[in-house]
């Protein structure tokens, strides 16, 4: 096998590989000799089938294996001999001349093919000791705990039939309705004995408001407009009419925040429930603070690195990002004009985001490698268990899916690796706590667009 480098341009490499006809003949014969002891053909004793006969029967099929093995061997040789780290799977190009390929398949001509590669860029890790990131801190207040308690109490309070009077905000009405768009009933537009809590804003905007002031037995034509981002795309933005009959009006019972409420949520007492709420709010605050710190850290890293990116990785990342953008716009029934931009401008902006993700992913991968960061199988298993719990009733199927799909399992491992690398970097920079308001903590701004999430490029942490 002769391997010659024919291109070295930026991160692109190409190698020409030639297997002389004599070598093809030898490899083919070796495979046929091995096959001789395994194959069973009528008229021949086991192990006694002539190689020439095997070649006539299986020659082309075996030569296919010979060629595939030669391609795999060439790929390994190129990577090992040149100490290359690949960004993407090698691309194999065979000659376009079919006659040349036919000769090679019969071992009457040389087999020549090209291996095209993209390699990972090499770059030095920078010093981050001069980096300072702010960690937003928000105290959990009694007011927030009381707000949560009130919401929980409202969700669990009882309603009693209202003997007389008209429906008011906060009441619950039991209704039947028939909905129409352009005079035609639509799927999901009919309902019977539906309970509507006035002021809950759980129905189409305007629906609940038009029931205020009605009494049991009243009928009304309710006119509404479906939101432009309504999940059912065929109804989004459409005007609709509902013939509504009020069957019953229920008044809310007393709002009780006591030990009995706590017991309804599996807690021993109201104090225990308050402690649980405080812990839950604290976890939410800590998680959001972590996201903020991580973004600021990644912004700092992004500003410190500039190197050529593997085009295939960027294209792959951009395709994933753009697919999500198009899916979101379609589900929200919006256009680029609605976003005050054009498709061309949006593509350019999201390509920058894809480039950022790839760049940061490669940086995190190298930092993780230099720091010898590993993700154990136990850590992956624990993360997988958490993922499986998100699908109640389908745990077995989800577990088996991940166990049978290494790529899917790698998607569990990659974020764990990324978080460990982020922790490693945070130990090297200055982190300053900054007390902020809850509103400031959850004001993400453009975080969603600029977030790195470089886990897929950062490696598997094995």
Protein backbone atom coordinates (compact mmCIF):
# COMPACT_ATOMS: atom_id res chain seq x y z
CA UNK A 1 0.00 0.00 0.00
CA UNK A 2 1.42 3.36 -1.07
CA UNK A 3 0.19 6.50 0.69
CA UNK A 4 1.11 9.96 -0.59
CA UNK A 5 -0.04 13.30 0.81
CA UNK A 6 -1.42 15.43 -2.05
CA UNK A 7 -2.96 18.36 -0.19
CA UNK A 8 -2.23 20.22 3.05
CA UNK A 9 -4.23 23.43 3.11
CA UNK A 10 -5.39 24.88 6.40
CA UNK A 11 -7.24 22.11 8.21
CA UNK A 12 -7.79 20.09 5.03
CA UNK A 13 -5.63 17.12 4.09
CA UNK A 14 -5.80 14.74 1.14
CA UNK A 15 -3.88 11.53 0.59
CA UNK A 16 -3.67 9.32 -2.47
CA UNK A 17 -3.68 5.62 -1.67
CA UNK A 18 -2.59 3.00 -4.22
CA UNK A 19 -2.83 -0.76 -3.83
CA UNK A 20 -0.94 -2.46 -6.68
CA UNK A 21 -2.73 -5.24 -8.50
CA UNK A 22 -0.24 -7.76 -7.09
CA UNK A 23 -1.14 -6.76 -3.55
CA UNK A 24 -4.85 -6.96 -4.33
CA UNK A 25 -4.31 -10.45 -5.74
CA UNK A 26 -2.42 -11.52 -2.62
CA UNK A 27 -5.03 -10.08 -0.24
CA UNK A 28 -7.84 -11.71 -2.21
CA UNK A 29 -6.14 -15.10 -2.15
CA UNK A 30 -5.49 -14.83 1.60
CA UNK A 31 -9.18 -14.15 2.20
CA UNK A 32 -10.23 -17.01 -0.06
CA UNK A 33 -7.89 -19.42 1.73
CA UNK A 34 -9.46 -18.39 5.03
CA UNK A 35 -12.92 -18.82 3.52
CA UNK A 36 -12.00 -22.29 2.25
CA UNK A 37 -12.17 -23.78 5.74
CA UNK A 38 -15.55 -22.23 6.51
CA UNK A 39 -17.61 -22.52 3.34
CA UNK A 40 -19.80 -25.49 2.49
CA UNK A 41 -20.44 -26.24 -1.21
CA UNK A 42 -22.26 -29.21 -2.70
CA UNK A 43 -19.88 -31.71 -4.26
CA UNK A 44 -16.91 -30.75 -2.10
CA UNK A 45 -15.72 -32.04 1.23
CA UNK A 46 -15.25 -29.43 4.00
CA UNK A 47 -11.97 -27.60 3.48
CA UNK A 48 -11.38 -29.14 0.05
CA UNK A 49 -13.02 -26.53 -2.20
CA UNK A 50 -10.42 -25.33 -4.72
CA UNK A 51 -9.47 -21.66 -4.30
CA UNK A 52 -10.07 -21.11 -7.99
CA UNK A 53 -13.66 -22.31 -7.66
CA UNK A 54 -14.18 -20.12 -4.60
CA UNK A 55 -12.90 -17.17 -6.60
CA UNK A 56 -15.42 -17.80 -9.38
CA UNK A 57 -18.29 -18.06 -6.87
CA UNK A 58 -17.34 -15.52 -4.24
CA UNK A 59 -14.57 -13.47 -5.82
CA UNK A 60 -16.42 -10.18 -6.24
CA UNK A 61 -18.02 -10.38 -2.80
CA UNK A 62 -14.71 -11.16 -1.09
CA UNK A 63 -12.94 -8.44 -3.07
CA UNK A 64 -15.52 -5.99 -1.72
CA UNK A 65 -14.38 -6.94 1.78
CA UNK A 66 -10.75 -6.64 0.72
CA UNK A 67 -11.33 -3.10 -0.54
CA UNK A 68 -13.23 -2.08 2.61
CA UNK A 69 -10.47 -3.49 4.81
CA UNK A 70 -7.88 -1.66 2.72
CA UNK A 71 -9.77 1.63 3.14
CA UNK A 72 -9.96 1.14 6.91
CA UNK A 73 -6.28 0.23 7.06
CA UNK A 74 -5.34 3.29 4.99
CA UNK A 75 -7.36 5.56 7.28
CA UNK A 76 -5.64 4.17 10.38
CA UNK A 77 -2.21 4.40 8.76
CA UNK A 78 -2.74 8.02 7.69
CA UNK A 79 -3.94 9.08 11.14
CA UNK A 80 -1.24 7.22 13.06
CA UNK A 81 1.72 8.03 10.77
CA UNK A 82 0.84 11.73 10.69
CA UNK A 83 -0.38 12.03 14.32
CA UNK A 84 -3.64 13.58 13.17
CA UNK A 85 -6.72 14.38 15.25
CA UNK A 86 -9.74 14.21 12.98
CA UNK A 87 -12.59 16.68 13.08
CA UNK A 88 -14.80 14.52 10.90
CA UNK A 89 -14.96 11.04 9.41
CA UNK A 90 -12.62 10.62 6.40
CA UNK A 91 -14.23 11.02 2.98
CA UNK A 92 -13.23 8.38 0.43
CA UNK A 93 -13.18 9.21 -3.30
CA UNK A 94 -12.82 6.42 -5.84
CA UNK A 95 -11.96 7.00 -9.53
CA UNK A 96 -14.84 8.02 -11.75
CA UNK A 97 -13.56 5.69 -14.50
CA UNK A 98 -15.71 2.58 -14.04
CA UNK A 99 -13.35 0.52 -16.17
CA UNK A 100 -10.48 1.25 -13.81
CA UNK A 101 -12.57 0.10 -10.85
CA UNK A 102 -13.62 -3.10 -12.68
CA UNK A 103 -9.96 -4.00 -13.31
CA UNK A 104 -9.15 -3.47 -9.64
CA UNK A 105 -12.09 -5.62 -8.55
CA UNK A 106 -10.68 -8.43 -10.70
CA UNK A 107 -7.15 -7.77 -9.33
CA UNK A 108 -6.01 -6.94 -12.87
CA UNK A 109 -5.31 -3.30 -12.15
CA UNK A 110 -4.18 -1.08 -9.31
CA UNK A 111 -6.75 0.24 -6.86
CA UNK A 112 -6.34 3.98 -6.32
CA UNK A 113 -8.49 6.21 -4.13
CA UNK A 114 -8.27 9.53 -2.31
CA UNK A 115 -8.79 10.05 1.41
CA UNK A 116 -9.98 13.60 2.23
CA UNK A 117 -9.68 14.68 5.87
CA UNK A 118 -10.42 17.60 8.11
CA UNK A 119 -8.20 17.86 11.17
CA UNK A 120 -8.74 19.64 14.45
CA UNK A 121 -6.90 22.94 14.81
CA UNK A 122 -3.92 23.23 17.12
CA UNK A 123 -3.82 26.14 19.54
CA UNK A 124 -2.26 27.02 22.87
CA UNK A 125 -4.39 27.37 25.97
CA UNK A 126 -4.39 30.92 27.32
CA UNK A 127 -3.93 32.13 30.88
CA UNK A 128 -7.30 32.90 32.49
CA UNK A 129 -6.05 34.14 35.86
CA UNK A 130 -6.92 37.71 34.78
CA UNK A 131 -10.58 36.81 34.18
CA UNK A 132 -13.22 37.97 36.65
CA UNK A 133 -16.80 36.74 36.50
CA UNK A 134 -19.73 37.95 38.58
CA UNK A 135 -21.92 35.41 40.35
CA UNK A 136 -25.42 36.84 40.87
CA UNK A 137 -26.81 36.10 44.32
CA UNK A 138 -30.48 36.44 45.29
CA UNK A 139 -31.80 35.86 48.79
CA UNK A 140 -34.97 33.82 49.19
CA UNK A 141 -37.46 36.10 50.93
CA UNK A 142 -40.47 35.26 53.10
CA UNK A 143 -42.62 37.12 50.56
CA UNK A 144 -41.62 34.66 47.81
CA UNK A 145 -42.36 31.70 50.07
CA UNK A 146 -45.77 33.17 50.91
CA UNK A 147 -46.50 33.72 47.20
CA UNK A 148 -45.75 30.05 46.54
CA UNK A 149 -47.93 29.00 49.47
CA UNK A 150 -50.79 31.12 48.16
CA UNK A 151 -50.50 29.57 44.69
CA UNK A 152 -50.51 26.09 46.18
CA UNK A 153 -53.50 26.93 48.34
CA UNK A 154 -55.40 28.28 45.33
CA UNK A 155 -54.67 25.12 43.37
CA UNK A 156 -56.06 22.97 46.15
CA UNK A 157 -58.98 24.99 47.46
CA UNK A 158 -62.49 23.72 47.03
CA UNK A 159 -65.39 25.33 45.15
CA UNK A 160 -68.98 25.27 46.32
CA UNK A 161 -72.10 25.75 44.16
CA UNK A 162 -73.23 29.36 44.06
CA UNK A 163 -76.95 29.35 44.81
CA UNK A 164 -77.65 32.67 43.14
CA UNK A 165 -75.95 35.66 41.64
CA UNK A 166 -73.78 36.20 38.62
CA UNK A 167 -70.36 34.84 37.79
CA UNK A 168 -67.48 36.96 39.08
CA UNK A 169 -63.73 36.91 38.65
CA UNK A 170 -62.39 34.04 40.75
CA UNK A 171 -65.58 31.99 40.40
CA UNK A 172 -65.62 28.72 38.51
CA UNK A 173 -68.28 28.14 35.89
CA UNK A 174 -69.34 24.82 34.41
CA UNK A 175 -70.12 25.22 30.71
CA UNK A 176 -70.95 23.42 27.49
CA UNK A 177 -69.69 25.00 24.28
CA UNK A 178 -69.57 24.52 20.52
CA UNK A 179 -66.87 26.36 18.58
CA UNK A 180 -66.84 27.42 14.92
CA UNK A 181 -64.34 29.01 12.58
CA UNK A 182 -65.79 30.54 9.41
CA UNK A 183 -69.12 28.97 10.39
CA UNK A 184 -67.72 25.45 10.55
CA UNK A 185 -67.18 23.39 13.68
CA UNK A 186 -63.55 22.35 14.22
CA UNK A 187 -61.88 19.46 15.97
CA UNK A 188 -61.42 20.14 19.68
CA UNK A 189 -63.88 23.04 19.58
CA UNK A 190 -66.67 21.26 21.46
CA UNK A 191 -66.84 20.58 25.19
CA UNK A 192 -69.31 19.48 27.84
CA UNK A 193 -69.21 20.05 31.60
CA UNK A 194 -65.99 22.00 31.26
CA UNK A 195 -64.91 23.88 34.40
CA UNK A 196 -63.53 27.35 33.69
CA UNK A 197 -61.96 29.35 36.53
CA UNK A 198 -62.51 33.00 35.67
CA UNK A 199 -59.29 34.97 35.80
CA UNK A 200 -57.03 31.90 35.46
CA UNK A 201 -56.16 32.79 31.84
CA UNK A 202 -56.10 29.14 30.88
CA UNK A 203 -58.47 29.52 27.92
CA UNK A 204 -58.15 31.51 24.71
CA UNK A 205 -57.61 35.20 25.53
CA UNK A 206 -60.98 36.93 25.99
CA UNK A 207 -62.97 33.72 26.53
CA UNK A 208 -63.09 33.89 30.33
CA UNK A 209 -63.76 37.63 30.46
CA UNK A 210 -66.97 37.23 28.41
CA UNK A 211 -68.39 34.78 30.95
CA UNK A 212 -68.26 37.33 33.78
CA UNK A 213 -71.77 38.52 34.69
CA UNK A 214 -73.59 35.42 33.40
CA UNK A 215 -75.93 33.33 35.53
CA UNK A 216 -76.63 29.60 35.54
CA UNK A 217 -78.79 28.75 32.53
CA UNK A 218 -77.56 31.71 30.44
CA UNK A 219 -76.26 31.25 26.90
CA UNK A 220 -73.88 33.56 25.09
CA UNK A 221 -72.06 33.83 21.78
CA UNK A 222 -68.41 34.30 22.75
CA UNK A 223 -66.16 35.79 20.07
CA UNK A 224 -62.38 35.36 20.33
CA UNK A 225 -59.26 35.30 18.17
CA UNK A 226 -56.74 32.48 18.44
CA UNK A 227 -53.20 33.68 19.22
CA UNK A 228 -50.83 33.80 16.25
CA UNK A 229 -48.56 31.32 18.03
CA UNK A 230 -51.36 28.86 18.82
CA UNK A 231 -50.10 25.27 18.79
CA UNK A 232 -52.69 24.16 16.24
CA UNK A 233 -51.27 26.00 13.22
CA UNK A 234 -54.53 25.75 11.22
CA UNK A 235 -56.28 27.81 13.94
CA UNK A 236 -53.50 30.30 14.66
CA UNK A 237 -54.67 33.89 14.20
CA UNK A 238 -58.20 32.79 13.23
CA UNK A 239 -61.41 34.41 14.51
CA UNK A 240 -63.73 31.96 16.25
CA UNK A 241 -67.20 31.92 17.79
CA UNK A 242 -68.37 29.72 20.66
CA UNK A 243 -71.97 29.03 21.61
CA UNK A 244 -71.62 28.78 25.40
CA UNK A 245 -74.20 27.51 27.88
CA UNK A 246 -73.56 28.15 31.59
CA UNK A 247 -74.74 25.14 33.58
CA UNK A 248 -73.46 25.99 37.04
CA UNK A 249 -71.52 28.63 38.93
CA UNK A 250 -69.19 27.73 41.78
CA UNK A 251 -67.71 30.13 44.32
CA UNK A 252 -64.19 29.57 45.68
CA UNK A 253 -63.90 28.30 49.24
CA UNK A 254 -61.79 29.88 51.93
CA UNK A 255 -58.08 30.05 51.15
CA UNK A 256 -56.44 28.08 53.95
CA UNK A 257 -52.71 28.05 54.50
CA UNK A 258 -52.18 25.71 57.43
CA UNK A 259 -50.88 22.31 58.47
CA UNK A 260 -53.71 20.59 56.57
CA UNK A 261 -52.51 22.19 53.34
CA UNK A 262 -48.99 20.94 54.09
CA UNK A 263 -50.25 17.41 54.68
CA UNK A 264 -51.95 17.51 51.29
CA UNK A 265 -48.47 17.91 49.81
CA UNK A 266 -46.99 15.11 51.91
CA UNK A 267 -45.42 17.36 54.56
CA UNK A 268 -45.76 16.98 58.32
CA UNK A 269 -46.48 20.64 59.00
CA UNK A 270 -46.68 24.09 57.47
CA UNK A 271 -43.16 24.85 58.68
CA UNK A 272 -41.84 21.76 56.89
CA UNK A 273 -43.62 22.83 53.72
CA UNK A 274 -42.09 26.30 53.98
CA UNK A 275 -38.63 24.75 54.34
CA UNK A 276 -39.23 22.60 51.25
CA UNK A 277 -40.39 25.63 49.27
CA UNK A 278 -37.35 27.63 50.38
CA UNK A 279 -35.05 24.79 49.25
CA UNK A 280 -36.82 24.52 45.88
CA UNK A 281 -36.60 28.28 45.25
CA UNK A 282 -32.94 28.25 46.31
CA UNK A 283 -32.21 25.47 43.79
CA UNK A 284 -33.91 27.47 41.03
CA UNK A 285 -31.89 30.56 41.95
CA UNK A 286 -28.65 28.59 42.12
CA UNK A 287 -29.30 26.93 38.76
CA UNK A 288 -30.00 30.27 37.08
CA UNK A 289 -26.96 31.83 38.77
CA UNK A 290 -24.84 28.96 37.42
CA UNK A 291 -26.15 29.61 33.89
CA UNK A 292 -25.25 33.30 34.20
CA UNK A 293 -21.77 32.55 35.52
CA UNK A 294 -21.19 29.98 32.81
CA UNK A 295 -22.25 32.35 30.05
CA UNK A 296 -20.02 35.15 31.33
CA UNK A 297 -17.10 32.72 31.62
CA UNK A 298 -17.66 31.42 28.08
CA UNK A 299 -17.92 34.98 26.78
CA UNK A 300 -14.52 35.69 28.30
CA UNK A 301 -13.04 32.52 26.81
CA UNK A 302 -14.51 33.29 23.39
CA UNK A 303 -12.82 36.69 23.37
CA UNK A 304 -9.42 35.11 24.08
CA UNK A 305 -9.35 32.56 21.25
CA UNK A 306 -9.16 32.92 17.49
CA UNK A 307 -8.25 29.99 15.26
CA UNK A 308 -9.43 28.30 12.08
CA UNK A 309 -12.50 26.12 12.53
CA UNK A 310 -13.17 22.80 10.76
CA UNK A 311 -15.77 23.69 8.08
CA UNK A 312 -17.65 20.40 8.44
CA UNK A 313 -18.11 20.88 12.19
CA UNK A 314 -19.39 24.41 11.64
CA UNK A 315 -21.79 23.24 8.93
CA UNK A 316 -23.07 20.44 11.13
CA UNK A 317 -23.63 22.80 14.06
CA UNK A 318 -25.25 25.44 11.87
CA UNK A 319 -27.62 22.85 10.38
CA UNK A 320 -28.74 21.86 13.88
CA UNK A 321 -29.18 25.49 14.98
CA UNK A 322 -31.00 26.52 11.81
CA UNK A 323 -33.34 23.53 11.97
CA UNK A 324 -34.38 24.60 15.46
CA UNK A 325 -34.85 28.21 14.33
CA UNK A 326 -37.09 27.17 11.44
CA UNK A 327 -39.05 24.79 13.67
CA UNK A 328 -39.63 27.51 16.29
CA UNK A 329 -40.74 30.03 13.68
CA UNK A 330 -43.12 27.55 12.11
CA UNK A 331 -44.66 26.53 15.45
CA UNK A 332 -45.09 30.22 16.40
CA UNK A 333 -46.44 31.08 12.95
CA UNK A 334 -43.87 33.86 12.49
CA UNK A 335 -41.73 35.06 9.59
CA UNK A 336 -38.34 36.76 9.36
CA UNK A 337 -40.19 39.98 8.58
CA UNK A 338 -41.99 39.66 11.92
CA UNK A 339 -38.55 39.56 13.55
CA UNK A 340 -37.55 42.70 11.64
CA UNK A 341 -34.87 40.84 9.68
CA UNK A 342 -34.36 38.80 6.52
CA UNK A 343 -33.52 35.13 6.10
CA UNK A 344 -30.08 36.08 4.78
CA UNK A 345 -29.33 38.26 7.82
CA UNK A 346 -30.68 35.60 10.19
CA UNK A 347 -28.53 32.91 8.57
CA UNK A 348 -25.42 35.08 8.97
CA UNK A 349 -26.23 35.72 12.64
CA UNK A 350 -26.90 32.08 13.47
CA UNK A 351 -23.79 30.98 11.60
CA UNK A 352 -21.80 33.16 14.02
CA UNK A 353 -23.52 31.35 16.87
CA UNK A 354 -22.60 27.98 15.33
CA UNK A 355 -18.98 29.11 14.95
CA UNK A 356 -18.91 30.25 18.59
CA UNK A 357 -20.23 26.90 19.78
CA UNK A 358 -17.68 24.95 17.76
CA UNK A 359 -14.80 27.19 18.87
CA UNK A 360 -15.75 26.99 22.56
CA UNK A 361 -16.38 23.27 22.28
CA UNK A 362 -12.85 22.72 20.98
CA UNK A 363 -11.39 24.94 23.71
CA UNK A 364 -13.30 23.10 26.45
CA UNK A 365 -12.23 19.76 24.96
CA UNK A 366 -8.56 20.70 25.09
CA UNK A 367 -8.82 22.09 28.61
CA UNK A 368 -10.54 18.88 29.70
CA UNK A 369 -7.87 16.76 28.04
CA UNK A 370 -5.02 18.77 29.59
CA UNK A 371 -6.70 18.55 33.01
CA UNK A 372 -7.30 14.80 32.57
CA UNK A 373 -11.01 15.22 33.29
CA UNK A 374 -12.93 11.95 33.11
CA UNK A 375 -16.59 10.97 33.35
CA UNK A 376 -17.12 7.62 35.05
CA UNK A 377 -19.68 5.06 33.95
CA UNK A 378 -21.43 5.52 37.32
CA UNK A 379 -21.86 9.24 36.62
CA UNK A 380 -23.34 8.48 33.20
CA UNK A 381 -25.67 5.90 34.74
CA UNK A 382 -26.92 8.38 37.34
CA UNK A 383 -27.55 11.00 34.65
CA UNK A 384 -29.33 8.41 32.53
CA UNK A 385 -31.56 7.46 35.46
CA UNK A 386 -32.54 11.12 35.82
CA UNK A 387 -33.32 11.27 32.11
CA UNK A 388 -35.40 8.09 32.26
CA UNK A 389 -37.47 9.50 35.15
CA UNK A 390 -38.64 12.25 32.81
CA UNK A 391 -40.66 9.66 30.89
CA UNK A 392 -43.03 8.02 33.43
CA UNK A 393 -44.52 4.82 32.09
CA UNK A 394 -41.85 4.52 29.38
CA UNK A 395 -38.81 3.96 31.59
CA UNK A 396 -37.91 0.55 30.16
CA UNK A 397 -38.12 1.66 26.52
CA UNK A 398 -36.10 4.84 27.14
CA UNK A 399 -33.44 2.93 29.11
CA UNK A 400 -33.07 0.34 26.34
CA UNK A 401 -32.91 3.05 23.67
CA UNK A 402 -29.88 4.68 25.30
CA UNK A 403 -28.19 1.36 26.05
CA UNK A 404 -28.47 0.32 22.40
CA UNK A 405 -27.43 3.69 20.92
CA UNK A 406 -23.85 4.75 21.76
CA UNK A 407 -24.37 8.15 20.09
CA UNK A 408 -27.40 8.88 22.27
CA UNK A 409 -25.46 7.78 25.35
CA UNK A 410 -22.62 10.11 24.33
CA UNK A 411 -25.15 12.96 24.43
CA UNK A 412 -25.69 12.10 28.11
CA UNK A 413 -21.95 12.03 28.82
CA UNK A 414 -20.98 15.22 26.95
CA UNK A 415 -22.82 17.77 29.18
CA UNK A 416 -21.36 16.09 32.30
CA UNK A 417 -17.89 16.52 30.85
CA UNK A 418 -18.57 20.13 29.91
CA UNK A 419 -19.77 21.02 33.41
CA UNK A 420 -16.65 19.50 34.95
CA UNK A 421 -14.46 21.48 32.59
CA UNK A 422 -16.34 24.68 33.46
CA UNK A 423 -15.76 23.94 37.15
CA UNK A 424 -12.07 23.46 36.43
CA UNK A 425 -11.85 26.86 34.70
CA UNK A 426 -13.85 28.56 37.45
CA UNK A 427 -11.25 27.36 39.95
CA UNK A 428 -8.65 29.37 38.00
CA UNK A 429 -10.53 32.66 37.63
CA UNK A 430 -11.79 35.21 40.11
CA UNK A 431 -15.47 34.78 40.99
CA UNK A 432 -17.13 37.76 42.69
CA UNK A 433 -20.56 37.45 44.33
CA UNK A 434 -22.98 40.24 43.40
CA UNK A 435 -26.36 40.64 45.10
CA UNK A 436 -29.08 41.27 42.51
CA UNK A 437 -32.86 41.25 42.31
CA UNK A 438 -34.83 38.22 41.24
CA UNK A 439 -35.85 40.07 38.07
CA UNK A 440 -32.22 40.78 37.20
CA UNK A 441 -31.28 37.15 37.85
CA UNK A 442 -33.87 35.83 35.41
CA UNK A 443 -33.41 38.55 32.79
CA UNK A 444 -31.62 36.43 30.20
CA UNK A 445 -31.39 39.02 27.44
CA UNK A 446 -29.67 37.31 24.51
CA UNK A 447 -28.40 34.36 26.53
CA UNK A 448 -30.34 31.82 24.51
CA UNK A 449 -28.64 32.86 21.27
CA UNK A 450 -25.12 33.22 22.57
CA UNK A 451 -24.94 30.25 24.92
CA UNK A 452 -22.12 27.92 23.93
CA UNK A 453 -23.25 24.47 25.00
CA UNK A 454 -20.09 23.07 23.50
CA UNK A 455 -20.60 19.60 24.93
CA UNK A 456 -20.90 17.86 21.58
CA UNK A 457 -17.51 19.22 20.53
CA UNK A 458 -15.95 18.89 23.96
CA UNK A 459 -15.68 15.14 23.73
CA UNK A 460 -17.11 12.31 25.76
CA UNK A 461 -14.90 12.64 28.84
CA UNK A 462 -13.93 9.00 28.77
